[in-house]
Amino acid sequence: ELRETVPAGFGNFPVFGESPVPVPDGFEEIYPSQFGRFVPNATQRPSFPTAGAIVAANWREARGLDPDAVVSIDAVALGYLIRAIGEVPLSTGDVLTADTVVPILLNEVLQRYDSGDLLADNLQQDLVYGEAVAATFERLSTGAFDMPTLLASVIQGFTEERLSLWSPDPAVTAVLEGYDLANDIPRTTADVDGFGIYGLNGVGGEPVK
């Protein structure tokens, strides 16, 4: 059952004075007074376990729901799932397929709703995004899909770190970490020096036309 789809903005979630989850060592020195305080910035630290904990805390505080898990899926991985469930029609007339989902959601929707009224445009865009999520979930919940293709799609999504899962349950966390599915930041071990190079796009942008 999909209870609701809620955009991250428009006052649906609070702006915290302090982070609802512990701030990792050193983060405040890089981005002061930002960690965990605004849910659209949940991935500012490139660690999905961190992002999952922030999202869960926001749903708990703003919506009264304590999630059993937090799942993230990008548009490319959504296309992988659609390979298994078939075409997903939307009320806008768009049809999401494995080939169309990325250009529709990441480009065409931004071009279509680009009146110059930022609030109105964002609301219209989020309606399409919310319907895309709801319609895809509805198709999955019917069980009418090709299981081998679905499993291959999920494995590909995890492998490419386009599909991520976080759980507050330590037993689930141990399984994810054991199979290298947690999508956490690189860790230094006795044999490997872990490091990452990341870009933070905080300046906004224009749709490609």
Protein backbone atom coordinates (compact mmCIF):
# COMPACT_ATOMS: atom_id res chain seq x y z
CA GLU A 1 0.00 0.00 0.00
CA LEU A 2 1.34 3.43 -0.94
CA ARG A 3 -0.03 5.81 1.67
CA GLU A 4 1.01 9.13 0.12
CA THR A 5 3.57 10.86 -2.06
CA VAL A 6 4.98 14.03 -0.54
CA PRO A 7 7.40 16.48 -2.21
CA ALA A 8 10.41 17.38 -0.10
CA GLY A 9 9.75 21.13 -0.34
CA PHE A 10 6.76 23.45 0.07
CA GLY A 11 6.84 23.29 3.87
CA ASN A 12 5.98 19.57 3.95
CA PHE A 13 8.98 18.91 6.18
CA PRO A 14 10.50 21.11 8.89
CA VAL A 15 13.71 23.07 8.79
CA PHE A 16 15.43 21.94 11.98
CA GLY A 17 17.44 24.26 14.19
CA GLU A 18 19.71 21.30 14.94
CA SER A 19 20.23 18.05 13.11
CA PRO A 20 17.83 15.29 14.21
CA VAL A 21 20.62 12.74 13.74
CA PRO A 22 24.24 12.84 14.96
CA VAL A 23 26.57 15.05 12.92
CA PRO A 24 29.62 13.12 11.62
CA ASP A 25 33.04 14.31 12.77
CA GLY A 26 34.42 17.08 10.61
CA PHE A 27 31.23 17.86 8.67
CA GLU A 28 30.53 21.15 10.44
CA GLU A 29 33.97 22.41 9.42
CA ILE A 30 33.06 21.91 5.73
CA TYR A 31 29.36 22.92 5.68
CA PRO A 32 28.51 24.71 8.93
CA SER A 33 24.92 24.49 10.26
CA GLN A 34 23.61 22.43 7.34
CA PHE A 35 23.81 18.73 8.13
CA GLY A 36 20.42 17.05 8.57
CA ARG A 37 18.45 20.27 8.94
CA PHE A 38 16.59 20.31 5.59
CA VAL A 39 15.43 17.06 4.00
CA PRO A 40 16.17 18.06 0.35
CA ASN A 41 19.83 18.22 1.44
CA ALA A 42 19.78 14.71 2.93
CA THR A 43 22.40 13.52 0.43
CA GLN A 44 24.77 16.44 1.01
CA ARG A 45 27.03 13.93 2.74
CA PRO A 46 27.51 11.25 0.04
CA SER A 47 26.53 8.36 2.31
CA PHE A 48 23.17 6.67 1.89
CA PRO A 49 23.06 5.35 5.47
CA THR A 50 23.37 8.98 6.56
CA ALA A 51 20.70 10.11 4.09
CA GLY A 52 18.35 7.31 5.13
CA ALA A 53 18.59 8.25 8.79
CA ILE A 54 17.89 11.92 7.97
CA VAL A 55 14.88 11.07 5.80
CA ALA A 56 13.48 8.71 8.45
CA ALA A 57 13.84 11.40 11.13
CA ASN A 58 12.00 13.91 8.93
CA TRP A 59 9.10 11.53 8.29
CA ARG A 60 8.91 10.78 12.00
CA GLU A 61 8.84 14.44 13.01
CA ALA A 62 6.70 15.86 10.19
CA ARG A 63 4.38 12.98 9.28
CA GLY A 64 4.23 10.89 12.45
CA LEU A 65 5.60 7.84 10.62
CA ASP A 66 8.60 5.85 11.76
CA PRO A 67 9.86 4.10 8.60
CA ASP A 68 11.04 0.50 8.65
CA ALA A 69 13.34 1.34 5.73
CA VAL A 70 14.24 4.12 3.32
CA VAL A 71 14.69 3.33 -0.37
CA SER A 72 16.22 5.59 -2.99
CA ILE A 73 15.92 4.96 -6.73
CA ASP A 74 17.06 7.31 -9.46
CA ALA A 75 15.41 7.71 -12.86
CA VAL A 76 17.85 5.35 -14.60
CA ALA A 77 17.18 2.55 -12.11
CA LEU A 78 13.46 3.26 -12.41
CA GLY A 79 13.89 2.50 -16.10
CA TYR A 80 15.45 -0.83 -15.15
CA LEU A 81 12.35 -1.73 -13.11
CA ILE A 82 10.02 -0.72 -15.93
CA ARG A 83 11.73 -3.31 -18.11
CA ALA A 84 10.10 -5.89 -15.83
CA ILE A 85 6.65 -4.34 -15.32
CA GLY A 86 5.98 -2.90 -18.77
CA GLU A 87 4.86 0.56 -19.86
CA VAL A 88 3.54 2.96 -17.19
CA PRO A 89 1.02 5.48 -18.58
CA LEU A 90 0.53 8.82 -16.81
CA SER A 91 -2.46 11.16 -16.78
CA THR A 92 -0.36 13.74 -18.65
CA GLY A 93 -0.35 11.48 -21.70
CA ASP A 94 3.26 10.51 -21.12
CA VAL A 95 4.14 6.82 -21.18
CA LEU A 96 7.10 5.74 -19.09
CA THR A 97 9.19 2.99 -20.65
CA ALA A 98 12.73 1.82 -20.07
CA ASP A 99 13.80 4.22 -22.84
CA THR A 100 11.58 7.24 -22.13
CA VAL A 101 11.60 7.53 -18.33
CA VAL A 102 14.91 9.43 -18.12
CA PRO A 103 14.23 12.04 -20.85
CA ILE A 104 10.66 12.57 -19.60
CA LEU A 105 11.41 12.97 -15.89
CA LEU A 106 14.80 14.67 -16.10
CA ASN A 107 14.23 16.95 -19.08
CA GLU A 108 10.82 17.12 -20.72
CA VAL A 109 8.89 17.78 -17.50
CA LEU A 110 11.26 20.66 -16.69
CA GLN A 111 10.76 22.16 -20.14
CA ARG A 112 6.99 21.71 -20.08
CA TYR A 113 6.49 23.48 -16.75
CA ASP A 114 8.79 26.45 -17.20
CA SER A 115 6.49 29.47 -17.04
CA GLY A 116 8.84 31.55 -14.92
CA ASP A 117 6.65 31.15 -11.83
CA LEU A 118 9.03 28.98 -9.82
CA LEU A 119 6.49 27.89 -7.19
CA ALA A 120 3.78 26.98 -9.71
CA ASP A 121 6.27 25.22 -11.97
CA ASN A 122 7.71 23.18 -9.10
CA LEU A 123 4.22 22.15 -7.99
CA GLN A 124 3.35 20.94 -11.49
CA GLN A 125 6.64 19.09 -11.86
CA ASP A 126 6.20 17.39 -8.50
CA LEU A 127 2.70 16.23 -9.45
CA VAL A 128 4.20 14.36 -12.40
CA TYR A 129 7.02 12.92 -10.29
CA GLY A 130 4.56 11.81 -7.60
CA GLU A 131 2.30 10.15 -10.15
CA ALA A 132 5.29 8.37 -11.71
CA VAL A 133 6.20 6.91 -8.31
CA ALA A 134 2.61 5.95 -7.47
CA ALA A 135 1.89 4.38 -10.87
CA THR A 136 5.11 2.36 -10.85
CA PHE A 137 4.47 1.14 -7.30
CA GLU A 138 0.91 0.18 -8.23
CA ARG A 139 2.19 -1.95 -11.09
CA LEU A 140 4.76 -3.62 -8.83
CA SER A 141 2.19 -4.30 -6.10
CA THR A 142 -0.04 -6.27 -8.50
CA GLY A 143 2.67 -8.87 -8.97
CA ALA A 144 2.19 -8.66 -12.74
CA PHE A 145 5.84 -8.54 -13.72
CA ASP A 146 8.58 -10.75 -15.06
CA MET A 147 10.44 -11.98 -11.98
CA PRO A 148 13.82 -12.81 -13.58
CA THR A 149 13.90 -9.39 -15.26
CA LEU A 150 12.91 -7.68 -12.03
CA LEU A 151 15.67 -9.41 -10.07
CA ALA A 152 18.22 -8.54 -12.74
CA SER A 153 17.03 -4.92 -12.66
CA VAL A 154 17.34 -4.70 -8.87
CA ILE A 155 20.82 -6.24 -8.93
CA GLN A 156 21.91 -3.81 -11.65
CA GLY A 157 20.50 -0.86 -9.69
CA PHE A 158 22.39 -1.87 -6.53
CA THR A 159 25.57 -2.61 -8.45
CA GLU A 160 25.56 0.83 -10.08
CA GLU A 161 24.58 2.49 -6.75
CA ARG A 162 21.41 3.85 -8.37
CA LEU A 163 19.25 1.84 -5.98
CA SER A 164 19.91 2.22 -2.27
CA LEU A 165 18.34 0.83 0.90
CA TRP A 166 18.71 1.87 4.53
CA SER A 167 17.14 0.29 7.58
CA PRO A 168 17.31 1.14 11.29
CA ASP A 169 17.39 -2.62 11.97
CA PRO A 170 21.01 -3.64 12.76
CA ALA A 171 20.40 -7.12 11.32
CA VAL A 172 19.33 -5.67 7.95
CA THR A 173 22.24 -3.22 8.05
CA ALA A 174 24.68 -6.08 8.59
CA VAL A 175 23.35 -7.90 5.51
CA LEU A 176 23.59 -4.76 3.36
CA GLU A 177 27.14 -4.08 4.50
CA GLY A 178 28.10 -7.73 4.07
CA TYR A 179 27.09 -7.65 0.41
CA ASP A 180 28.46 -4.13 -0.14
CA LEU A 181 24.95 -2.76 -0.77
CA ALA A 182 24.90 0.01 1.86
CA ASN A 183 26.25 2.66 -0.55
CA ASP A 184 28.21 4.33 2.21
CA ILE A 185 31.29 6.51 1.74
CA PRO A 186 34.56 4.67 1.02
CA ARG A 187 36.27 3.28 4.10
CA THR A 188 39.97 2.80 4.68
CA THR A 189 40.92 -0.72 5.69
CA ALA A 190 44.19 -2.43 6.47
CA ASP A 191 44.57 -3.25 2.78
CA VAL A 192 42.82 -0.38 0.95
CA ASP A 193 42.91 3.39 1.26
CA GLY A 194 39.34 4.60 0.72
CA PHE A 195 38.68 8.04 -0.70
CA GLY A 196 36.07 9.76 -2.86
CA ILE A 197 35.82 12.85 -5.06
CA TYR A 198 32.39 14.47 -5.07
CA GLY A 199 30.77 17.51 -6.64
CA LEU A 200 28.06 19.50 -4.84
CA ASN A 201 25.62 21.21 -7.20
CA GLY A 202 23.94 23.83 -5.07
CA VAL A 203 23.45 26.55 -7.64
CA GLY A 204 20.33 25.36 -9.49
CA GLY A 205 20.13 25.21 -13.24
CA GLU A 206 18.07 25.56 -16.37
CA PRO A 207 16.43 22.73 -18.32
CA VAL A 208 18.21 21.70 -21.49
CA LYS A 209 16.29 23.00 -24.50
